[in-house]
Protein backbone atom coordinates (compact mmCIF):
# COMPACT_ATOMS: atom_id res chain seq x y z
CA MET A 1 0.00 0.00 0.00
CA LEU A 2 2.69 2.46 1.01
CA ARG A 3 4.97 1.50 -1.87
CA GLU A 4 2.12 2.16 -4.29
CA ALA A 5 1.74 5.66 -2.81
CA ARG A 6 5.49 6.16 -3.14
CA GLU A 7 5.42 5.01 -6.78
CA LEU A 8 2.72 7.62 -7.45
CA GLY A 9 5.23 10.27 -6.39
CA PHE A 10 4.13 10.89 -2.80
CA ASP A 11 6.86 11.00 -0.16
CA HIS A 12 4.36 11.42 2.71
CA VAL A 13 1.04 9.76 3.49
CA GLU A 14 -1.82 10.21 5.92
CA LEU A 15 -2.81 6.97 7.65
CA SER A 16 -6.57 6.89 7.60
CA HIS A 17 -9.47 5.70 9.71
CA GLY A 18 -9.62 2.65 7.43
CA THR A 19 -6.28 1.25 8.61
CA ARG A 20 -6.83 -2.27 9.95
CA ILE A 21 -4.67 -3.42 12.83
CA SER A 22 -3.34 -6.25 10.63
CA LEU A 23 -1.61 -3.61 8.47
CA VAL A 24 0.35 -2.07 11.34
CA PRO A 25 3.45 -4.34 11.23
CA GLY A 26 3.99 -3.60 7.53
CA ILE A 27 3.42 0.12 8.07
CA LEU A 28 5.96 0.24 10.89
CA GLU A 29 8.46 -1.69 8.79
CA ALA A 30 8.09 0.75 5.88
CA VAL A 31 8.33 3.81 8.15
CA ASP A 32 11.35 2.48 10.04
CA ALA A 33 13.07 1.62 6.75
CA GLY A 34 12.53 5.17 5.48
CA GLU A 35 10.42 4.06 2.51
CA ILE A 36 7.71 6.60 3.34
CA ARG A 37 7.03 9.31 5.91
CA VAL A 38 3.74 9.87 7.70
CA SER A 39 2.46 13.45 7.75
CA SER A 40 -0.74 12.85 9.71
CA VAL A 41 -3.03 10.19 11.14
CA HIS A 42 -6.83 10.26 11.05
CA ASN A 43 -8.70 9.12 14.15
CA PHE A 44 -9.39 6.23 14.80
CA CYS A 45 -6.17 4.63 13.59
CA PRO A 46 -5.54 1.80 13.65
CA LEU A 47 -9.11 0.57 13.79
CA PRO A 48 -10.16 -1.21 16.99
CA MET A 49 -9.79 -4.97 16.95
CA GLY A 50 -12.63 -6.60 15.03
CA VAL A 51 -13.51 -3.48 13.02
CA ASN A 52 -12.52 -3.86 9.38
CA ASN A 53 -14.24 -0.96 7.64
CA SER A 54 -13.49 2.76 7.66
CA ALA A 55 -15.09 4.13 10.84
CA PRO A 56 -14.14 7.72 11.79
CA ASN A 57 -17.44 8.13 13.67
CA LEU A 58 -17.39 4.74 15.37
CA TYR A 59 -17.37 6.40 18.80
CA LYS A 60 -18.62 9.98 18.99
CA PHE A 61 -17.08 12.60 21.27
CA SER A 62 -20.57 14.10 21.56
CA ALA A 63 -22.37 10.86 22.47
CA GLU A 64 -24.97 10.96 25.22
CA HIS A 65 -23.80 7.69 26.79
CA ASP A 66 -20.72 7.81 29.01
CA ARG A 67 -19.53 4.42 27.77
CA GLU A 68 -19.31 5.58 24.14
CA ARG A 69 -17.39 8.71 25.10
CA GLU A 70 -14.97 6.68 27.20
CA LEU A 71 -14.36 4.40 24.21
CA ALA A 72 -13.84 7.48 22.03
CA LEU A 73 -11.22 8.70 24.50
CA ARG A 74 -9.56 5.30 24.80
CA TYR A 75 -9.16 4.76 21.06
CA THR A 76 -8.17 8.36 20.39
CA LEU A 77 -5.35 7.96 22.92
CA LYS A 78 -4.30 4.81 21.06
CA THR A 79 -4.31 6.88 17.86
CA LEU A 80 -2.09 9.51 19.51
CA ASP A 81 0.34 6.79 20.56
CA PHE A 82 0.37 5.36 17.05
CA ALA A 83 0.88 8.81 15.53
CA GLN A 84 3.87 9.32 17.80
CA ARG A 85 5.25 5.91 16.84
CA VAL A 86 5.09 6.65 13.08
CA LYS A 87 6.51 10.16 13.63
CA ALA A 88 3.39 11.99 12.42
CA SER A 89 2.90 15.57 13.58
CA LEU A 90 -0.90 15.80 13.58
CA VAL A 91 -4.04 13.76 14.27
CA VAL A 92 -7.25 14.67 12.41
CA LEU A 93 -10.38 14.49 14.58
CA HIS A 94 -14.14 14.43 14.11
CA LEU A 95 -15.91 15.89 17.15
CA GLY A 96 -19.30 14.24 16.71
CA CYS A 97 -22.79 15.42 15.82
CA ILE A 98 -26.10 16.78 17.04
CA GLU A 99 -28.74 14.07 17.21
CA MET A 100 -31.35 15.37 14.78
CA LYS A 101 -33.04 14.61 11.48
CA ASP A 102 -30.78 14.33 8.42
CA TYR A 103 -31.33 17.48 6.38
CA THR A 104 -28.13 17.30 4.32
CA ASP A 105 -29.11 14.50 1.93
CA LYS A 106 -32.62 15.90 1.46
CA LEU A 107 -31.24 19.32 0.56
CA LEU A 108 -28.65 17.82 -1.79
CA ASP A 109 -31.42 15.96 -3.60
CA LEU A 110 -33.36 19.19 -4.02
CA VAL A 111 -30.29 21.03 -5.34
CA ALA A 112 -29.67 18.18 -7.80
CA ALA A 113 -33.26 18.54 -8.98
CA GLY A 114 -32.80 22.31 -9.50
CA GLN A 115 -35.14 23.19 -6.64
CA ASN A 116 -32.75 25.23 -4.48
CA ASP A 117 -34.63 28.47 -5.25
CA THR A 118 -37.98 27.11 -4.15
CA PRO A 119 -39.84 28.09 -0.97
CA ARG A 120 -39.62 24.46 0.18
CA TYR A 121 -35.83 24.53 -0.03
CA GLN A 122 -35.57 27.81 1.85
CA ARG A 123 -37.97 26.52 4.50
CA LEU A 124 -35.89 23.36 5.02
CA CYS A 125 -32.67 25.39 5.31
CA ALA A 126 -34.22 27.64 7.92
CA GLU A 127 -35.61 24.64 9.79
CA ALA A 128 -32.23 22.87 9.79
CA ASP A 129 -30.52 26.00 11.12
CA GLU A 130 -33.12 26.52 13.83
CA LYS A 131 -33.07 22.88 14.97
CA ARG A 132 -29.30 22.54 15.20
CA GLU A 133 -28.88 25.84 17.05
CA ALA A 134 -31.61 24.87 19.51
CA LYS A 135 -30.23 21.39 20.18
CA LYS A 136 -26.44 21.77 19.91
CA GLY A 137 -25.59 22.84 23.48
CA PRO A 138 -25.19 19.49 25.31
CA PHE A 139 -23.57 17.79 22.32
CA VAL A 140 -20.96 20.55 21.95
CA GLU A 141 -20.27 20.58 25.70
CA ARG A 142 -19.69 16.81 25.80
CA ALA A 143 -17.34 17.01 22.81
CA HIS A 144 -15.43 19.89 24.41
CA GLU A 145 -15.14 18.04 27.70
CA LEU A 146 -13.49 15.10 25.96
CA LEU A 147 -11.25 17.47 24.01
CA ARG A 148 -10.13 19.04 27.30
CA ARG A 149 -8.85 15.64 28.35
CA LEU A 150 -7.07 15.09 25.03
CA VAL A 151 -5.25 18.39 24.64
CA PRO A 152 -2.64 17.79 27.40
CA GLU A 153 -2.09 14.27 26.05
CA ALA A 154 -1.41 15.68 22.57
CA GLU A 155 0.89 18.37 24.01
CA ARG A 156 2.83 15.76 25.99
CA ARG A 157 3.44 13.76 22.81
CA GLY A 158 4.34 16.80 20.70
CA LEU A 159 1.29 16.35 18.48
CA ARG A 160 -1.29 18.73 17.08
CA LEU A 161 -5.00 17.97 16.83
CA GLY A 162 -6.66 18.99 13.56
CA ILE A 163 -10.39 19.65 14.09
CA GLU A 164 -11.99 18.90 10.74
CA ASN A 165 -14.85 20.79 9.12
CA ARG A 166 -17.60 18.36 8.24
CA GLU A 167 -20.00 17.97 5.32
CA ALA A 168 -23.24 17.16 7.16
CA LEU A 169 -25.19 20.05 8.65
CA GLU A 170 -25.67 18.29 11.98
CA GLU A 171 -21.98 17.56 12.55
CA ILE A 172 -19.94 19.67 14.94
CA PRO A 173 -18.33 22.09 15.20
CA LEU A 174 -20.87 24.04 13.17
CA ASP A 175 -18.93 26.18 10.72
CA SER A 176 -19.88 29.38 12.55
CA ASP A 177 -18.73 27.89 15.88
CA PHE A 178 -15.07 27.24 15.06
CA ARG A 179 -14.12 30.68 16.38
CA PHE A 180 -15.71 29.86 19.74
CA LEU A 181 -13.90 26.51 19.82
CA PHE A 182 -10.53 28.16 19.27
CA ALA A 183 -11.30 30.83 21.87
CA GLU A 184 -11.99 28.08 24.40
CA PHE A 185 -8.90 26.09 23.36
CA PRO A 186 -6.06 28.57 22.82
CA SER A 187 -3.42 25.82 22.89
CA ALA A 188 -1.26 25.65 19.78
CA ALA A 189 -2.00 21.92 19.81
CA VAL A 190 -5.61 22.62 18.73
CA THR A 191 -5.74 23.53 15.04
CA TYR A 192 -8.15 23.79 12.12
CA TRP A 193 -8.17 21.07 9.47
CA HIS A 194 -9.84 22.19 6.24
CA ASP A 195 -11.52 19.61 4.03
CA THR A 196 -12.08 21.26 0.64
CA GLY A 197 -14.83 18.88 -0.42
CA HIS A 198 -16.84 19.30 2.78
CA ALA A 199 -16.65 23.09 2.57
CA GLN A 200 -17.71 23.09 -1.07
CA ILE A 201 -20.73 20.89 -0.35
CA LYS A 202 -21.81 23.38 2.32
CA GLU A 203 -21.36 26.21 -0.19
CA ASN A 204 -23.38 24.31 -2.79
CA LEU A 205 -26.16 24.07 -0.21
CA GLY A 206 -25.94 27.81 0.48
CA PHE A 207 -24.74 27.61 4.09
CA ILE A 208 -21.20 29.02 3.85
CA GLY A 209 -18.80 30.72 1.47
CA HIS A 210 -15.91 28.33 0.91
CA VAL A 211 -13.16 30.94 0.53
CA MET A 212 -14.50 33.04 3.42
CA GLN A 213 -14.45 29.96 5.67
CA VAL A 214 -10.74 29.38 5.04
CA GLU A 215 -9.91 33.06 5.32
CA SER A 216 -11.66 33.43 8.67
CA LEU A 217 -9.77 30.48 10.20
CA GLN A 218 -6.38 30.84 8.52
CA GLY A 219 -4.72 31.79 11.81
CA ARG A 220 -5.27 28.28 13.17
CA LEU A 221 -5.07 26.39 9.86
CA ALA A 222 -2.74 23.37 9.94
CA GLY A 223 -3.61 21.52 6.76
CA PHE A 224 -6.00 20.29 4.12
CA HIS A 225 -7.84 17.29 2.82
CA LEU A 226 -7.76 17.98 -0.90
CA HIS A 227 -10.43 16.70 -3.26
CA ASP A 228 -12.94 18.16 -5.70
CA VAL A 229 -16.74 18.07 -5.79
CA GLN A 230 -18.95 17.36 -8.77
CA PRO A 231 -22.14 19.29 -7.98
CA PRO A 232 -23.92 19.18 -5.82
CA GLY A 233 -22.35 16.63 -3.47
CA ARG A 234 -20.15 14.01 -5.16
CA ASP A 235 -16.81 14.52 -3.45
CA HIS A 236 -13.40 12.82 -3.35
CA CYS A 237 -12.95 13.62 -7.05
CA ALA A 238 -9.60 14.63 -8.52
CA PRO A 239 -8.85 18.37 -8.31
CA GLY A 240 -9.79 20.03 -11.59
CA THR A 241 -12.71 17.71 -12.32
CA GLY A 242 -15.31 19.49 -10.17
CA CYS A 243 -16.50 22.92 -9.09
CA ILE A 244 -13.98 23.96 -6.42
CA ASP A 245 -12.08 27.17 -7.19
CA PHE A 246 -8.69 26.04 -5.92
CA ALA A 247 -7.04 29.17 -7.32
CA ALA A 248 -9.13 31.28 -4.93
CA LEU A 249 -7.77 29.26 -1.99
CA LYS A 250 -4.13 29.83 -2.95
CA PRO A 251 -3.62 33.02 -0.84
CA PHE A 252 -4.27 31.01 2.32
CA VAL A 253 -1.97 28.07 1.54
CA ARG A 254 1.40 28.06 3.28
CA PRO A 255 4.44 25.81 2.75
CA GLU A 256 4.17 24.54 6.33
CA HIS A 257 0.58 23.34 5.86
CA ILE A 258 0.04 19.60 5.50
CA LYS A 259 -1.65 18.81 2.19
CA VAL A 260 -3.34 15.43 1.89
CA PHE A 261 -5.02 14.25 -1.30
CA GLU A 262 -8.13 12.41 -0.10
CA LEU A 263 -9.33 10.78 -3.30
CA SER A 264 -11.79 8.02 -4.06
CA PRO A 265 -10.14 4.59 -4.36
CA ARG A 266 -12.16 4.16 -7.55
CA LEU A 267 -10.16 6.83 -9.38
CA PRO A 268 -7.78 5.52 -12.05
CA VAL A 269 -4.11 6.31 -11.56
CA GLU A 270 -4.16 8.74 -14.50
CA GLU A 271 -6.82 10.88 -12.81
CA VAL A 272 -4.86 10.91 -9.56
CA ARG A 273 -1.72 12.10 -11.35
CA ALA A 274 -3.69 14.73 -13.30
CA GLY A 275 -5.37 16.03 -10.14
CA VAL A 276 -2.06 16.42 -8.33
CA ALA A 277 -0.52 18.14 -11.35
CA HIS A 278 -3.51 20.49 -11.62
CA LEU A 279 -3.17 21.63 -8.02
CA ARG A 280 0.60 21.99 -8.21
CA GLN A 281 0.20 24.18 -11.27
CA LEU A 282 -2.29 26.43 -9.46
CA TRP A 283 -0.51 26.58 -6.10
CA GLY A 284 3.07 26.33 -7.32
CA GLU A 285 3.98 23.57 -4.87
């Protein structure tokens, strides 16, 4: 797996939330031999024993039940240990979600049908906003409480935590709440992780401006998940094959930022190479 990434021209990889524990010995061998370097690790990694499919939301930081939050803490700490072992500098985190009706898929279907200017669409957007604002309090507080326990553990290991923006409207932090999160957690270990596809989906739904989102959080920005979106919501496409204006993001990209191509495994190698070349041409990196 890692040699294939190396042969595609990547000298760093992010180890994802789909990494089975059976892959760990080979990963450690490749890292120790200097075949590849690990830039970042995505929680939960490696997957808990017996879990074989990608599961970043297996245990939610925001969960109502204490047992689930304790498991989230336990396996996040294991991820931090693994990140330290493979010499990664950052762990990407999901913070959970507000328990509410799924509005995201319904709105995407309406946009796909050309109904985003209809009264029904506007009513659903307003309803989604009202519901998540009304219900978010306890879910956000539980996620923050767990994060308070993780920050000193990350600092002790010399790691940063990248809090990822999410694509679903009910997932936290809400895009408008990142500034409150960073005010509550001033530690340099708590950073913003920008997923280009997620932000573009939110823009396609009319909830945020993609470029404005990055600009407003650039002071805490640590890195990117890079992929394109074919409207309204098909993400993990190669850059240059969708609707994201990557050139408009260039002013906020720094050499020290981690840049991870998060592409669909269904993409042919030629599309992967073309997407990387497209972004390098735009960003000059």
